[in-house]
Amino acid sequence: MDRRKFAFDKTNFLLLAGGMVVIIIGFLLMSGPGSTETTFEPDIFSARRIKVAPVVCFIGFIAMIYGILRKPKG
């Protein structure tokens, strides 16, 4: 197959894979114990779950969008 006919090159795939890894890390940072009907878990309002994890996911989504829109050289 001719390499010029592919829409993505190696760098595009690496950006997509890296973005997906960053998104998964963000979702793992969001996870944790939740509150039930009988107990309240104050950890659901921690800075890690409300501020850090969404920013990490957003950076991963931006990396994936850039990986899709980036034009291969050549």
N, C-alpha and C. Protein backbone atom coordinates (compact mmCIF):
# COMPACT_ATOMS: atom_id res chain seq x y z
N MET A 1 0.84 -1.18 0.00
CA MET A 1 0.00 0.00 0.00
C MET A 1 0.88 1.25 0.00
N ASP A 2 0.40 2.24 -0.64
CA ASP A 2 1.13 3.50 -0.74
C ASP A 2 0.90 4.33 0.52
N ARG A 3 1.97 4.78 1.14
CA ARG A 3 1.86 5.55 2.39
C ARG A 3 1.20 6.91 2.18
N ARG A 4 1.25 7.45 0.99
CA ARG A 4 0.66 8.76 0.74
C ARG A 4 -0.87 8.73 0.75
N LYS A 5 -1.47 7.57 0.67
CA LYS A 5 -2.93 7.47 0.65
C LYS A 5 -3.54 7.41 2.05
N PHE A 6 -2.71 7.26 3.08
CA PHE A 6 -3.22 7.23 4.44
C PHE A 6 -3.48 8.65 4.93
N ALA A 7 -4.55 8.82 5.69
CA ALA A 7 -4.88 10.15 6.22
C ALA A 7 -3.99 10.50 7.42
N PHE A 8 -3.55 9.48 8.16
CA PHE A 8 -2.74 9.72 9.36
C PHE A 8 -1.36 9.12 9.17
N ASP A 9 -0.39 9.71 9.86
CA ASP A 9 0.94 9.13 9.91
C ASP A 9 1.21 8.65 11.34
N LYS A 10 2.45 8.26 11.59
CA LYS A 10 2.80 7.70 12.90
C LYS A 10 2.58 8.72 14.02
N THR A 11 2.89 9.99 13.78
CA THR A 11 2.73 11.02 14.80
C THR A 11 1.27 11.21 15.17
N ASN A 12 0.38 11.15 14.17
CA ASN A 12 -1.04 11.28 14.45
C ASN A 12 -1.51 10.15 15.37
N PHE A 13 -1.10 8.94 15.08
CA PHE A 13 -1.50 7.81 15.91
C PHE A 13 -0.92 7.90 17.31
N LEU A 14 0.30 8.40 17.44
CA LEU A 14 0.89 8.58 18.76
C LEU A 14 0.14 9.64 19.56
N LEU A 15 -0.26 10.73 18.91
CA LEU A 15 -1.05 11.76 19.58
C LEU A 15 -2.40 11.22 20.02
N LEU A 16 -3.03 10.42 19.18
CA LEU A 16 -4.33 9.83 19.54
C LEU A 16 -4.18 8.87 20.72
N ALA A 17 -3.15 8.05 20.69
CA ALA A 17 -2.93 7.10 21.78
C ALA A 17 -2.59 7.83 23.08
N GLY A 18 -1.75 8.85 22.98
CA GLY A 18 -1.40 9.62 24.18
C GLY A 18 -2.61 10.34 24.75
N GLY A 19 -3.43 10.91 23.88
CA GLY A 19 -4.65 11.56 24.34
C GLY A 19 -5.59 10.60 25.04
N MET A 20 -5.72 9.40 24.50
CA MET A 20 -6.59 8.39 25.12
C MET A 20 -6.06 7.98 26.49
N VAL A 21 -4.75 7.84 26.61
CA VAL A 21 -4.16 7.50 27.91
C VAL A 21 -4.41 8.60 28.93
N VAL A 22 -4.27 9.86 28.51
CA VAL A 22 -4.50 10.99 29.42
C VAL A 22 -5.98 11.04 29.84
N ILE A 23 -6.89 10.76 28.92
CA ILE A 23 -8.32 10.74 29.26
C ILE A 23 -8.61 9.63 30.27
N ILE A 24 -8.04 8.46 30.06
CA ILE A 24 -8.25 7.35 31.00
C ILE A 24 -7.70 7.71 32.38
N ILE A 25 -6.55 8.36 32.43
CA ILE A 25 -5.99 8.80 33.71
C ILE A 25 -6.93 9.79 34.38
N GLY A 26 -7.51 10.71 33.61
CA GLY A 26 -8.46 11.67 34.16
C GLY A 26 -9.68 10.99 34.75
N PHE A 27 -10.22 10.00 34.06
CA PHE A 27 -11.38 9.29 34.58
C PHE A 27 -11.02 8.48 35.83
N LEU A 28 -9.80 7.94 35.87
CA LEU A 28 -9.38 7.22 37.07
C LEU A 28 -9.24 8.17 38.26
N LEU A 29 -8.79 9.41 37.99
CA LEU A 29 -8.71 10.40 39.06
C LEU A 29 -10.09 10.78 39.57
N MET A 30 -11.10 10.73 38.71
CA MET A 30 -12.47 11.06 39.13
C MET A 30 -13.11 9.96 39.96
N SER A 31 -12.63 8.75 39.83
CA SER A 31 -13.29 7.62 40.50
C SER A 31 -12.99 7.64 42.00
N GLY A 32 -13.82 6.95 42.72
CA GLY A 32 -13.66 6.86 44.17
C GLY A 32 -14.98 6.47 44.81
N PRO A 33 -14.97 6.38 46.12
CA PRO A 33 -16.21 5.98 46.80
C PRO A 33 -17.27 7.07 46.69
N GLY A 34 -18.49 6.65 46.60
CA GLY A 34 -19.60 7.58 46.52
C GLY A 34 -20.44 7.53 47.78
N SER A 35 -21.33 8.48 47.90
CA SER A 35 -22.24 8.52 49.04
C SER A 35 -23.40 7.55 48.80
N THR A 36 -23.92 7.04 49.90
CA THR A 36 -25.10 6.19 49.83
C THR A 36 -26.24 6.87 50.58
N GLU A 37 -27.35 6.19 50.68
CA GLU A 37 -28.49 6.77 51.39
C GLU A 37 -28.24 6.90 52.89
N THR A 38 -27.38 6.04 53.42
CA THR A 38 -27.15 6.05 54.87
C THR A 38 -25.88 6.77 55.29
N THR A 39 -24.90 6.88 54.38
CA THR A 39 -23.64 7.53 54.75
C THR A 39 -23.29 8.62 53.74
N PHE A 40 -22.63 9.65 54.23
CA PHE A 40 -22.16 10.73 53.37
C PHE A 40 -20.65 10.65 53.24
N GLU A 41 -20.17 10.70 52.03
CA GLU A 41 -18.73 10.63 51.77
C GLU A 41 -18.26 12.01 51.35
N PRO A 42 -17.51 12.73 52.22
CA PRO A 42 -17.07 14.08 51.86
C PRO A 42 -16.01 14.11 50.76
N ASP A 43 -15.43 12.96 50.43
CA ASP A 43 -14.38 12.91 49.40
C ASP A 43 -14.94 13.22 48.01
N ILE A 44 -16.25 13.19 47.83
CA ILE A 44 -16.80 13.49 46.50
C ILE A 44 -16.60 14.95 46.14
N PHE A 45 -16.28 15.80 47.11
CA PHE A 45 -16.05 17.21 46.85
C PHE A 45 -14.56 17.57 46.92
N SER A 46 -13.68 16.59 46.79
CA SER A 46 -12.24 16.88 46.87
C SER A 46 -11.78 17.61 45.60
N ALA A 47 -10.69 18.33 45.73
CA ALA A 47 -10.16 19.10 44.59
C ALA A 47 -9.70 18.17 43.46
N ARG A 48 -9.24 16.99 43.82
CA ARG A 48 -8.80 16.04 42.80
C ARG A 48 -9.95 15.63 41.90
N ARG A 49 -11.13 15.40 42.47
CA ARG A 49 -12.27 14.92 41.70
C ARG A 49 -13.03 16.03 41.00
N ILE A 50 -12.98 17.24 41.51
CA ILE A 50 -13.77 18.33 40.94
C ILE A 50 -12.95 19.24 40.04
N LYS A 51 -11.68 19.43 40.34
CA LYS A 51 -10.87 20.38 39.57
C LYS A 51 -9.80 19.70 38.71
N VAL A 52 -9.01 18.82 39.31
CA VAL A 52 -7.85 18.27 38.61
C VAL A 52 -8.27 17.28 37.52
N ALA A 53 -9.13 16.34 37.84
CA ALA A 53 -9.51 15.30 36.89
C ALA A 53 -10.20 15.85 35.64
N PRO A 54 -11.15 16.79 35.75
CA PRO A 54 -11.73 17.33 34.51
C PRO A 54 -10.72 18.08 33.64
N VAL A 55 -9.77 18.76 34.25
CA VAL A 55 -8.74 19.46 33.46
C VAL A 55 -7.86 18.45 32.74
N VAL A 56 -7.51 17.35 33.41
CA VAL A 56 -6.71 16.30 32.78
C VAL A 56 -7.47 15.70 31.60
N CYS A 57 -8.75 15.42 31.78
CA CYS A 57 -9.56 14.89 30.68
C CYS A 57 -9.65 15.88 29.52
N PHE A 58 -9.82 17.15 29.83
CA PHE A 58 -9.90 18.18 28.79
C PHE A 58 -8.60 18.24 27.98
N ILE A 59 -7.47 18.16 28.65
CA ILE A 59 -6.19 18.16 27.95
C ILE A 59 -6.08 16.93 27.04
N GLY A 60 -6.57 15.79 27.52
CA GLY A 60 -6.57 14.59 26.68
C GLY A 60 -7.45 14.73 25.46
N PHE A 61 -8.63 15.34 25.62
CA PHE A 61 -9.51 15.57 24.48
C PHE A 61 -8.88 16.54 23.48
N ILE A 62 -8.22 17.58 23.97
CA ILE A 62 -7.54 18.52 23.08
C ILE A 62 -6.43 17.82 22.31
N ALA A 63 -5.69 16.95 22.97
CA ALA A 63 -4.62 16.21 22.30
C ALA A 63 -5.19 15.30 21.22
N MET A 64 -6.33 14.69 21.48
CA MET A 64 -6.95 13.83 20.47
C MET A 64 -7.47 14.64 19.29
N ILE A 65 -8.06 15.79 19.56
CA ILE A 65 -8.55 16.64 18.47
C ILE A 65 -7.38 17.11 17.61
N TYR A 66 -6.28 17.51 18.26
CA TYR A 66 -5.10 17.92 17.51
C TYR A 66 -4.54 16.75 16.69
N GLY A 67 -4.56 15.55 17.27
CA GLY A 67 -4.08 14.38 16.54
C GLY A 67 -4.92 14.06 15.31
N ILE A 68 -6.20 14.36 15.38
CA ILE A 68 -7.08 14.13 14.24
C ILE A 68 -6.89 15.22 13.17
N LEU A 69 -6.78 16.47 13.61
CA LEU A 69 -6.71 17.59 12.66
C LEU A 69 -5.32 17.84 12.09
N ARG A 70 -4.28 17.30 12.72
CA ARG A 70 -2.92 17.53 12.27
C ARG A 70 -2.71 16.93 10.89
N LYS A 71 -2.18 17.73 9.98
CA LYS A 71 -1.93 17.26 8.61
C LYS A 71 -0.56 16.62 8.55
N PRO A 72 -0.47 15.40 8.05
CA PRO A 72 0.84 14.76 7.92
C PRO A 72 1.74 15.50 6.92
N LYS A 73 3.02 15.50 7.22
CA LYS A 73 3.97 16.16 6.33
C LYS A 73 4.30 15.25 5.17
N GLY A 74 4.56 15.86 4.05
CA GLY A 74 4.99 15.06 2.91
C GLY A 74 4.11 15.07 1.76
